[in-house]
PDB file of N, CA and C in Angstrom:
ATOM      1  N   MET A   1      14.124  11.511 -21.596  1.00  0.00           N
ATOM      2  CA  MET A   1      13.459  11.565 -20.279  1.00  0.00           C
ATOM      3  C   MET A   1      12.261  10.934 -20.370  1.00  0.00           C
ATOM      4  N   SER A   2      11.942   9.900 -19.337  1.00  0.00           N
ATOM      5  CA  SER A   2      10.687   9.207 -19.618  1.00  0.00           C
ATOM      6  C   SER A   2       9.603   9.794 -18.667  1.00  0.00           C
ATOM      7  N   HIS A   3       8.543   9.787 -19.104  1.00  0.00           N
ATOM      8  CA  HIS A   3       7.199  10.364 -18.477  1.00  0.00           C
ATOM      9  C   HIS A   3       6.103   9.517 -18.141  1.00  0.00           C
ATOM     10  N   VAL A   4       5.848   9.302 -16.792  1.00  0.00           N
ATOM     11  CA  VAL A   4       4.984   8.328 -16.376  1.00  0.00           C
ATOM     12  C   VAL A   4       3.639   9.077 -16.046  1.00  0.00           C
ATOM     13  N   THR A   5       2.526   8.612 -16.618  1.00  0.00           N
ATOM     14  CA  THR A   5       1.363   9.282 -16.036  1.00  0.00           C
ATOM     15  C   THR A   5       0.593   8.326 -15.131  1.00  0.00           C
ATOM     16  N   LEU A   6       0.348   8.893 -13.966  1.00  0.00           N
ATOM     17  CA  LEU A   6      -0.559   8.049 -13.110  1.00  0.00           C
ATOM     18  C   LEU A   6      -2.032   8.353 -12.930  1.00  0.00           C
ATOM     19  N   THR A   7      -2.948   7.428 -12.908  1.00  0.00           N
ATOM     20  CA  THR A   7      -4.263   7.758 -12.494  1.00  0.00           C
ATOM     21  C   THR A   7      -4.600   8.388 -11.214  1.00  0.00           C
ATOM     22  N   ASP A   8      -5.745   8.848 -10.994  1.00  0.00           N
ATOM     23  CA  ASP A   8      -5.804   9.470  -9.567  1.00  0.00           C
ATOM     24  C   ASP A   8      -5.736   8.286  -8.404  1.00  0.00           C
ATOM     25  N   ALA A   9      -6.045   7.311  -8.672  1.00  0.00           N
ATOM     26  CA  ALA A   9      -6.009   6.088  -7.677  1.00  0.00           C
ATOM     27  C   ALA A   9      -4.498   5.981  -7.594  1.00  0.00           C
ATOM     28  N   GLU A  10      -3.967   5.638  -8.484  1.00  0.00           N
ATOM     29  CA  GLU A  10      -2.349   5.392  -8.499  1.00  0.00           C
ATOM     30  C   GLU A  10      -1.641   6.431  -7.660  1.00  0.00           C
ATOM     31  N   TRP A  11      -1.932   7.868  -8.186  1.00  0.00           N
ATOM     32  CA  TRP A  11      -1.225   8.942  -7.414  1.00  0.00           C
ATOM     33  C   TRP A  11      -1.666   8.959  -5.909  1.00  0.00           C
ATOM     34  N   ILE A  12      -2.819   8.619  -5.644  1.00  0.00           N
ATOM     35  CA  ILE A  12      -3.218   8.646  -4.293  1.00  0.00           C
ATOM     36  C   ILE A  12      -2.482   7.474  -3.337  1.00  0.00           C
ATOM     37  N   ASN A  13      -2.458   6.312  -4.048  1.00  0.00           N
ATOM     38  CA  ASN A  13      -1.793   4.985  -3.497  1.00  0.00           C
ATOM     39  C   ASN A  13      -0.472   5.458  -3.044  1.00  0.00           C
ATOM     40  N   LEU A  14       0.368   6.077  -4.252  1.00  0.00           N
ATOM     41  CA  LEU A  14       1.623   6.268  -4.040  1.00  0.00           C
ATOM     42  C   LEU A  14       2.144   7.425  -2.930  1.00  0.00           C
ATOM     43  N   ASN A  15       1.228   8.388  -2.870  1.00  0.00           N
ATOM     44  CA  ASN A  15       1.390   9.475  -1.825  1.00  0.00           C
ATOM     45  C   ASN A  15       1.060   8.952  -0.501  1.00  0.00           C
ATOM     46  N   VAL A  16      -0.035   8.099  -0.447  1.00  0.00           N
ATOM     47  CA  VAL A  16      -0.195   7.511   1.060  1.00  0.00           C
ATOM     48  C   VAL A  16       0.884   6.419   1.393  1.00  0.00           C
ATOM     49  N   LEU A  17       1.386   5.735   0.554  1.00  0.00           N
ATOM     50  CA  LEU A  17       2.386   4.761   0.843  1.00  0.00           C
ATOM     51  C   LEU A  17       3.682   5.326   1.244  1.00  0.00           C
ATOM     52  N   VAL A  18       4.087   6.672   0.511  1.00  0.00           N
ATOM     53  CA  VAL A  18       5.147   7.277   0.879  1.00  0.00           C
ATOM     54  C   VAL A  18       5.175   8.047   2.384  1.00  0.00           C
ATOM     55  N   VAL A  19       3.985   8.555   2.374  1.00  0.00           N
ATOM     56  CA  VAL A  19       3.824   9.248   3.702  1.00  0.00           C
ATOM     57  C   VAL A  19       3.819   8.128   4.892  1.00  0.00           C
ATOM     58  N   ILE A  20       3.070   7.146   4.510  1.00  0.00           N
ATOM     59  CA  ILE A  20       3.175   6.096   5.717  1.00  0.00           C
ATOM     60  C   ILE A  20       4.647   5.516   5.903  1.00  0.00           C
ATOM     61  N   ARG A  21       5.238   5.357   5.051  1.00  0.00           N
ATOM     62  CA  ARG A  21       6.653   4.555   5.048  1.00  0.00           C
ATOM     63  C   ARG A  21       7.340   5.693   5.534  1.00  0.00           C
ATOM     64  N   ALA A  22       7.302   7.046   5.544  1.00  0.00           N
ATOM     65  CA  ALA A  22       8.181   8.020   6.179  1.00  0.00           C
ATOM     66  C   ALA A  22       7.839   8.182   7.717  1.00  0.00           C
ATOM     67  N   GLY A  23       6.436   8.155   8.188  1.00  0.00           N
ATOM     68  CA  GLY A  23       6.027   8.080   9.330  1.00  0.00           C
ATOM     69  C   GLY A  23       6.409   6.910  10.132  1.00  0.00           C
ATOM     70  N   LEU A  24       6.579   5.787   9.629  1.00  0.00           N
ATOM     71  CA  LEU A  24       6.780   4.527  10.271  1.00  0.00           C
ATOM     72  C   LEU A  24       8.336   4.607  10.566  1.00  0.00           C
ATOM     73  N   GLN A  25       9.095   5.468   9.681  1.00  0.00           N
ATOM     74  CA  GLN A  25      10.630   5.607  10.280  1.00  0.00           C
ATOM     75  C   GLN A  25      10.787   6.362  11.449  1.00  0.00           C
ATOM     76  N   HIS A  26       9.797   7.294  11.730  1.00  0.00           N
ATOM     77  CA  HIS A  26       9.980   8.360  12.781  1.00  0.00           C
ATOM     78  C   HIS A  26       9.183   7.740  13.948  1.00  0.00           C
ATOM     79  N   ASP A  27       7.888   7.452  13.825  1.00  0.00           N
ATOM     80  CA  ASP A  27       7.138   7.107  15.041  1.00  0.00           C
ATOM     81  C   ASP A  27       6.045   5.958  14.552  1.00  0.00           C
ATOM     82  N   MET A  28       6.520   4.734  14.715  1.00  0.00           N
ATOM     83  CA  MET A  28       5.700   3.605  14.259  1.00  0.00           C
ATOM     84  C   MET A  28       4.348   3.644  15.041  1.00  0.00           C
ATOM     85  N   ALA A  29       4.287   3.898  16.304  1.00  0.00           N
ATOM     86  CA  ALA A  29       2.890   3.464  17.164  1.00  0.00           C
ATOM     87  C   ALA A  29       1.902   4.622  16.373  1.00  0.00           C
ATOM     88  N   SER A  30       2.327   5.792  16.402  1.00  0.00           N
ATOM     89  CA  SER A  30       1.338   6.864  15.994  1.00  0.00           C
ATOM     90  C   SER A  30       0.993   6.784  14.335  1.00  0.00           C
ATOM     91  N   THR A  31       1.948   6.284  13.660  1.00  0.00           N
ATOM     92  CA  THR A  31       1.612   6.142  12.367  1.00  0.00           C
ATOM     93  C   THR A  31       0.588   4.795  12.086  1.00  0.00           C
ATOM     94  N   CYS A  32       0.703   3.906  12.892  1.00  0.00           N
ATOM     95  CA  CYS A  32      -0.154   2.802  12.941  1.00  0.00           C
ATOM     96  C   CYS A  32      -1.452   3.386  13.239  1.00  0.00           C
ATOM     97  N   CYS A  33      -1.494   3.978  14.332  1.00  0.00           N
ATOM     98  CA  CYS A  33      -3.048   4.423  14.779  1.00  0.00           C
ATOM     99  C   CYS A  33      -3.379   5.380  13.680  1.00  0.00           C
ATOM    100  N   ARG A  34      -2.713   6.311  13.158  1.00  0.00           N
ATOM    101  CA  ARG A  34      -3.216   7.268  12.257  1.00  0.00           C
ATOM    102  C   ARG A  34      -3.762   6.632  10.891  1.00  0.00           C
ATOM    103  N   TYR A  35      -3.082   5.515  10.411  1.00  0.00           N
ATOM    104  CA  TYR A  35      -3.720   4.974   9.202  1.00  0.00           C
ATOM    105  C   TYR A  35      -4.151   3.667   9.308  1.00  0.00           C
ATOM    106  N   GLY A  36      -4.294   3.107  10.525  1.00  0.00           N
ATOM    107  CA  GLY A  36      -5.131   1.634  10.688  1.00  0.00           C
ATOM    108  C   GLY A  36      -4.386   0.591  10.403  1.00  0.00           C
ATOM    109  N   LEU A  37      -2.984   0.723  10.678  1.00  0.00           N
ATOM    110  CA  LEU A  37      -2.135  -0.337  10.273  1.00  0.00           C
ATOM    111  C   LEU A  37      -1.956  -1.347  11.355  1.00  0.00           C
ATOM    112  N   ASP A  38      -1.788  -2.790  11.119  1.00  0.00           N
ATOM    113  CA  ASP A  38      -1.302  -3.575  12.221  1.00  0.00           C
ATOM    114  C   ASP A  38       0.176  -3.766  12.087  1.00  0.00           C
ATOM    115  N   ILE A  39       0.761  -4.552  13.058  1.00  0.00           N
ATOM    116  CA  ILE A  39       2.247  -4.306  13.072  1.00  0.00           C
ATOM    117  C   ILE A  39       2.942  -5.344  11.877  1.00  0.00           C
ATOM    118  N   GLU A  40       2.155  -6.296  11.325  1.00  0.00           N
ATOM    119  CA  GLU A  40       2.639  -7.002  10.137  1.00  0.00           C
ATOM    120  C   GLU A  40       2.678  -6.056   9.063  1.00  0.00           C
ATOM    121  N   GLN A  41       1.539  -5.210   8.762  1.00  0.00           N
ATOM    122  CA  GLN A  41       1.676  -4.272   7.657  1.00  0.00           C
ATOM    123  C   GLN A  41       2.605  -3.209   7.770  1.00  0.00           C
ATOM    124  N   ALA A  42       2.691  -2.740   8.978  1.00  0.00           N
ATOM    125  CA  ALA A  42       3.859  -1.594   9.393  1.00  0.00           C
ATOM    126  C   ALA A  42       5.059  -1.918   9.109  1.00  0.00           C
ATOM    127  N   ASN A  43       5.349  -3.174   9.448  1.00  0.00           N
ATOM    128  CA  ASN A  43       6.827  -3.676   9.345  1.00  0.00           C
ATOM    129  C   ASN A  43       7.027  -4.108   7.909  1.00  0.00           C
ATOM    130  N   TYR A  44       6.179  -4.225   7.112  1.00  0.00           N
ATOM    131  CA  TYR A  44       6.271  -4.693   5.668  1.00  0.00           C
ATOM    132  C   TYR A  44       6.575  -3.603   4.891  1.00  0.00           C
ATOM    133  N   LEU A  45       5.561  -2.560   5.263  1.00  0.00           N
ATOM    134  CA  LEU A  45       5.640  -1.096   4.410  1.00  0.00           C
ATOM    135  C   LEU A  45       7.188  -0.546   4.709  1.00  0.00           C
ATOM    136  N   ARG A  46       7.581  -0.570   6.022  1.00  0.00           N
ATOM    137  CA  ARG A  46       8.637   0.158   6.484  1.00  0.00           C
ATOM    138  C   ARG A  46      10.007  -0.558   5.851  1.00  0.00           C
ATOM    139  N   SER A  47       9.818  -1.842   5.302  1.00  0.00           N
ATOM    140  CA  SER A  47      10.914  -2.592   4.619  1.00  0.00           C
ATOM    141  C   SER A  47      11.031  -2.158   3.235  1.00  0.00           C
ATOM    142  N   LEU A  48      10.048  -1.684   2.680  1.00  0.00           N
ATOM    143  CA  LEU A  48       9.927  -1.344   1.050  1.00  0.00           C
ATOM    144  C   LEU A  48      10.883  -0.113   0.789  1.00  0.00           C
ATOM    145  N   SER A  49      11.601  -0.369  -0.404  1.00  0.00           N
ATOM    146  CA  SER A  49      12.186   0.859  -0.770  1.00  0.00           C
ATOM    147  C   SER A  49      11.230   1.715  -1.780  1.00  0.00           C
ATOM    148  N   LEU A  50      11.689   3.079  -2.283  1.00  0.00           N
ATOM    149  CA  LEU A  50      10.862   3.836  -3.046  1.00  0.00           C
ATOM    150  C   LEU A  50      10.662   3.208  -4.410  1.00  0.00           C
ATOM    151  N   ASP A  51      11.723   2.456  -4.806  1.00  0.00           N
ATOM    152  CA  ASP A  51      11.265   1.901  -6.034  1.00  0.00           C
ATOM    153  C   ASP A  51      10.389   0.670  -5.952  1.00  0.00           C
ATOM    154  N   ASP A  52      10.371  -0.154  -4.817  1.00  0.00           N
ATOM    155  CA  ASP A  52       9.323  -0.796  -4.433  1.00  0.00           C
ATOM    156  C   ASP A  52       7.839  -0.234  -4.476  1.00  0.00           C
ATOM    157  N   LEU A  53       7.866   0.904  -3.835  1.00  0.00           N
ATOM    158  CA  LEU A  53       6.510   1.448  -3.761  1.00  0.00           C
ATOM    159  C   LEU A  53       5.977   1.956  -5.102  1.00  0.00           C
ATOM    160  N   TRP A  54       6.859   2.379  -5.956  1.00  0.00           N
ATOM    161  CA  TRP A  54       6.506   2.905  -7.503  1.00  0.00           C
ATOM    162  C   TRP A  54       6.114   1.608  -8.011  1.00  0.00           C
ATOM    163  N   SER A  55       7.083   0.465  -8.235  1.00  0.00           N
ATOM    164  CA  SER A  55       6.507  -0.727  -8.881  1.00  0.00           C
ATOM    165  C   SER A  55       5.164  -1.082  -8.581  1.00  0.00           C
ATOM    166  N   LEU A  56       4.999  -1.198  -7.142  1.00  0.00           N
ATOM    167  CA  LEU A  56       3.692  -1.552  -6.627  1.00  0.00           C
ATOM    168  C   LEU A  56       2.461  -0.840  -7.130  1.00  0.00           C
ATOM    169  N   VAL A  57       2.870   0.507  -7.051  1.00  0.00           N
ATOM    170  CA  VAL A  57       1.585   1.408  -7.451  1.00  0.00           C
ATOM    171  C   VAL A  57       1.355   1.072  -8.995  1.00  0.00           C
ATOM    172  N   ILE A  58       2.405   0.940  -9.814  1.00  0.00           N
ATOM    173  CA  ILE A  58       2.284   0.803 -11.229  1.00  0.00           C
ATOM    174  C   ILE A  58       1.519  -0.411 -11.475  1.00  0.00           C
ATOM    175  N   HIS A  59       1.790  -1.582 -10.838  1.00  0.00           N
ATOM    176  CA  HIS A  59       1.175  -2.887 -11.036  1.00  0.00           C
ATOM    177  C   HIS A  59      -0.295  -2.832 -10.468  1.00  0.00           C
ATOM    178  N   VAL A  60      -0.424  -2.410  -9.377  1.00  0.00           N
ATOM    179  CA  VAL A  60      -1.799  -2.423  -8.704  1.00  0.00           C
ATOM    180  C   VAL A  60      -2.848  -1.662  -9.490  1.00  0.00           C
ATOM    181  N   GLY A  61      -2.441  -0.469 -10.095  1.00  0.00           N
ATOM    182  CA  GLY A  61      -3.090   0.169 -11.137  1.00  0.00           C
ATOM    183  C   GLY A  61      -4.374   0.880 -10.331  1.00  0.00           C
ATOM    184  N   ASP A  62      -5.422   0.925 -10.895  1.00  0.00           N
ATOM    185  CA  ASP A  62      -6.663   1.936 -10.165  1.00  0.00           C
ATOM    186  C   ASP A  62      -7.144   1.479  -9.045  1.00  0.00           C
ATOM    187  N   THR A  63      -6.684   0.131  -8.438  1.00  0.00           N
ATOM    188  CA  THR A  63      -7.286  -0.332  -7.268  1.00  0.00           C
ATOM    189  C   THR A  63      -6.801   0.546  -6.204  1.00  0.00           C
ATOM    190  N   THR A  64      -7.688   0.863  -5.323  1.00  0.00           N
ATOM    191  CA  THR A  64      -7.007   1.599  -3.911  1.00  0.00           C
ATOM    192  C   THR A  64      -6.797   0.710  -2.919  1.00  0.00           C
ATOM    193  N   LEU A  65      -5.621   1.119  -2.134  1.00  0.00           N
ATOM    194  CA  LEU A  65      -5.087   0.258  -1.201  1.00  0.00           C
ATOM    195  C   LEU A  65      -5.582   0.632   0.302  1.00  0.00           C
ATOM    196  N   PHE A  66      -6.142   1.609   0.298  1.00  0.00           N
ATOM    197  CA  PHE A  66      -6.538   2.428   1.596  1.00  0.00           C
ATOM    198  C   PHE A  66      -7.855   2.618   1.649  1.00  0.00           C
ATOM    199  N   PRO A  67      -8.806   2.568   2.792  1.00  0.00           N
ATOM    200  CA  PRO A  67      -8.040   2.251   4.125  1.00  0.00           C
ATOM    201  C   PRO A  67      -7.318   0.884   3.822  1.00  0.00           C
ATOM    202  N   PRO A  68      -6.584   0.545   4.785  1.00  0.00           N
ATOM    203  CA  PRO A  68      -5.647  -0.795   4.735  1.00  0.00           C
ATOM    204  C   PRO A  68      -6.709  -1.986   4.527  1.00  0.00           C
ATOM    205  N   ARG A  69      -6.402  -2.785   3.518  1.00  0.00           N
ATOM    206  CA  ARG A  69      -7.018  -3.978   3.248  1.00  0.00           C
ATOM    207  C   ARG A  69      -6.622  -5.141   4.187  1.00  0.00           C
ATOM    208  N   ALA A  70      -7.532  -6.112   4.408  1.00  0.00           N
ATOM    209  CA  ALA A  70      -6.967  -7.073   5.269  1.00  0.00           C
ATOM    210  C   ALA A  70      -5.917  -8.023   4.724  1.00  0.00           C
ATOM    211  N   ASP A  71      -5.734  -8.030   3.294  1.00  0.00           N
ATOM    212  CA  ASP A  71      -5.007  -8.851   2.623  1.00  0.00           C
ATOM    213  C   ASP A  71      -3.859  -7.785   2.052  1.00  0.00           C
ATOM    214  N   LEU A  72      -3.424  -6.575   2.653  1.00  0.00           N
ATOM    215  CA  LEU A  72      -2.484  -5.691   2.204  1.00  0.00           C
ATOM    216  C   LEU A  72      -1.025  -6.390   2.163  1.00  0.00           C
ATOM    217  N   VAL A  73      -0.415  -7.055   3.335  1.00  0.00           N
ATOM    218  CA  VAL A  73       0.801  -7.411   3.319  1.00  0.00           C
ATOM    219  C   VAL A  73       0.888  -8.643   2.055  1.00  0.00           C
ATOM    220  N   THR A  74      -0.037  -9.507   1.851  1.00  0.00           N
ATOM    221  CA  THR A  74      -0.021 -10.453   0.899  1.00  0.00           C
ATOM    222  C   THR A  74      -0.121  -9.718  -0.520  1.00  0.00           C
ATOM    223  N   LEU A  75      -0.821  -8.767  -0.766  1.00  0.00           N
ATOM    224  CA  LEU A  75      -0.943  -8.014  -2.176  1.00  0.00           C
ATOM    225  C   LEU A  75       0.310  -7.359  -2.398  1.00  0.00           C
ATOM    226  N   LEU A  76       1.116  -6.727  -1.320  1.00  0.00           N
ATOM    227  CA  LEU A  76       2.189  -6.007  -1.417  1.00  0.00           C
ATOM    228  C   LEU A  76       3.337  -6.998  -1.700  1.00  0.00           C
ATOM    229  N   SER A  77       3.166  -8.154  -1.111  1.00  0.00           N
ATOM    230  CA  SER A  77       4.388  -9.071  -1.220  1.00  0.00           C
ATOM    231  C   SER A  77       4.256 -10.105  -2.434  1.00  0.00           C
ATOM    232  N   ALA A  78       3.313  -9.992  -3.086  1.00  0.00           N
ATOM    233  CA  ALA A  78       2.952 -10.770  -4.397  1.00  0.00           C
ATOM    234  C   ALA A  78       3.897 -10.247  -5.572  1.00  0.00           C
ATOM    235  N   PRO A  79       4.337 -11.219  -6.523  1.00  0.00           N
ATOM    236  CA  PRO A  79       5.047 -10.663  -7.599  1.00  0.00           C
ATOM    237  C   PRO A  79       4.231  -9.581  -8.460  1.00  0.00           C
ATOM    238  N   ARG A  80       5.065  -8.504  -8.639  1.00  0.00           N
ATOM    239  CA  ARG A  80       4.497  -7.289  -9.109  1.00  0.00           C
ATOM    240  C   ARG A  80       3.546  -7.288 -10.221  1.00  0.00           C
ATOM    241  N   PRO A  81       3.693  -8.397 -11.121  1.00  0.00           N
ATOM    242  CA  PRO A  81       2.519  -8.372 -12.237  1.00  0.00           C
ATOM    243  C   PRO A  81       1.414  -8.873 -11.763  1.00  0.00           C
ATOM    244  N   LEU A  82       1.437  -9.628 -10.641  1.00  0.00           N
ATOM    245  CA  LEU A  82       0.255 -10.327 -10.087  1.00  0.00           C
ATOM    246  C   LEU A  82      -0.495  -9.330  -9.167  1.00  0.00           C
ATOM    247  N   ALA A  83      -0.117  -8.398  -8.698  1.00  0.00           N
ATOM    248  CA  ALA A  83      -0.601  -7.463  -7.729  1.00  0.00           C
ATOM    249  C   ALA A  83      -1.997  -7.039  -7.993  1.00  0.00           C
ATOM    250  N   GLY A  84      -1.968  -6.307  -9.527  1.00  0.00           N
ATOM    251  CA  GLY A  84      -3.157  -5.794 -10.043  1.00  0.00           C
ATOM    252  C   GLY A  84      -4.193  -6.776 -10.068  1.00  0.00           C
ATOM    253  N   PRO A  85      -4.120  -7.979 -11.002  1.00  0.00           N
ATOM    254  CA  PRO A  85      -5.280  -8.791 -10.967  1.00  0.00           C
ATOM    255  C   PRO A  85      -5.672  -9.438  -9.472  1.00  0.00           C
ATOM    256  N   MET A  86      -4.730  -9.576  -8.699  1.00  0.00           N
ATOM    257  CA  MET A  86      -4.984 -10.053  -7.288  1.00  0.00           C
ATOM    258  C   MET A  86      -5.936  -8.869  -6.507  1.00  0.00           C
ATOM    259  N   ALA A  87      -5.644  -7.749  -6.821  1.00  0.00           N
ATOM    260  CA  ALA A  87      -6.420  -6.673  -6.005  1.00  0.00           C
ATOM    261  C   ALA A  87      -7.997  -6.510  -6.500  1.00  0.00           C
ATOM    262  N   LEU A  88      -7.959  -7.087  -7.853  1.00  0.00           N
ATOM    263  CA  LEU A  88      -9.344  -6.898  -8.485  1.00  0.00           C
ATOM    264  C   LEU A  88      -9.981  -8.266  -7.948  1.00  0.00           C
ATOM    265  N   VAL A  89      -9.412  -9.264  -7.904  1.00  0.00           N
ATOM    266  CA  VAL A  89     -10.245 -10.530  -7.718  1.00  0.00           C
ATOM    267  C   VAL A  89     -10.591 -10.652  -6.274  1.00  0.00           C
ATOM    268  N   HIS A  90      -9.655 -10.172  -5.428  1.00  0.00           N
ATOM    269  CA  HIS A  90     -10.240 -10.233  -4.026  1.00  0.00           C
ATOM    270  C   HIS A  90     -10.553  -8.457  -3.462  1.00  0.00           C
ATOM    271  N   PRO A  91     -11.713  -8.318  -3.691  1.00  0.00           N
ATOM    272  CA  PRO A  91     -11.880  -6.905  -3.263  1.00  0.00           C
ATOM    273  C   PRO A  91     -11.536  -6.522  -1.956  1.00  0.00           C
ATOM    274  N   PRO A  92     -11.282  -5.199  -1.470  1.00  0.00           N
ATOM    275  CA  PRO A  92     -10.836  -4.863  -0.252  1.00  0.00           C
ATOM    276  C   PRO A  92     -11.718  -5.249   0.929  1.00  0.00           C
ATOM    277  N   LYS A  93     -11.142  -6.058   1.871  1.00  0.00           N
ATOM    278  CA  LYS A  93     -12.337  -6.279   3.087  1.00  0.00           C
ATOM    279  C   LYS A  93     -11.676  -5.579   4.193  1.00  0.00           C
ATOM    280  N   PRO A  94     -12.301  -4.870   5.037  1.00  0.00           N
ATOM    281  CA  PRO A  94     -11.666  -4.331   6.314  1.00  0.00           C
ATOM    282  C   PRO A  94     -11.265  -5.478   7.366  1.00  0.00           C
ATOM    283  N   ILE A  95     -10.233  -4.792   7.953  1.00  0.00           N
ATOM    284  CA  ILE A  95      -9.613  -5.743   8.909  1.00  0.00           C
ATOM    285  C   ILE A  95     -10.418  -6.015  10.062  1.00  0.00           C
ATOM    286  N   GLU A  96     -10.738  -7.355  10.487  1.00  0.00           N
ATOM    287  CA  GLU A  96     -11.650  -7.876  11.451  1.00  0.00           C
ATOM    288  C   GLU A  96     -11.417  -6.787  12.812  1.00  0.00           C
ATOM    289  N   GLY A  97     -12.599  -6.443  13.227  1.00  0.00           N
ATOM    290  CA  GLY A  97     -12.685  -5.418  14.405  1.00  0.00           C
ATOM    291  C   GLY A  97     -12.345  -4.075  14.040  1.00  0.00           C
ATOM    292  N   ARG A  98     -12.174  -3.699  12.926  1.00  0.00           N
ATOM    293  CA  ARG A  98     -11.934  -2.177  12.334  1.00  0.00           C
ATOM    294  C   ARG A  98     -13.195  -1.603  11.329  1.00  0.00           C
ATOM    295  N   ARG A  99     -13.662  -0.703  11.480  1.00  0.00           N
ATOM    296  CA  ARG A  99     -14.758  -0.103  10.749  1.00  0.00           C
ATOM    297  C   ARG A  99     -14.244   1.188  10.205  1.00  0.00           C
TER     298      ARG A  99
END
C-alpha cells in the first residue's frame, strides 16, 4: 500500500478543492459567493475529477491556492509538472475588484 504525506498547505488545498467541487455540484451560485469564485473558475473546478484534484495538489506543493488567485484557471489547467513552478513564479494576486 502506498502512503502519501501531504504538507499543511497541500492538505488545505486538497480539502478546499474537494469541498468547493462538491458545493458546485449542488448549488453553484452560493458556492461561488462563499468561496469568491468567478464563473470561469467555478466551471473549471466543477469539471475536474478527484484524481485531477490530487494530481494538482501534489504538483502545486506548498503554494496556497486560496483565496482564489486571479490566475487560478491558468494554474489549474497548466501541465501538472509546471503547476508548482508557475505558482511560485507568479505570486497570488487577488481578482480585480475583490479584497
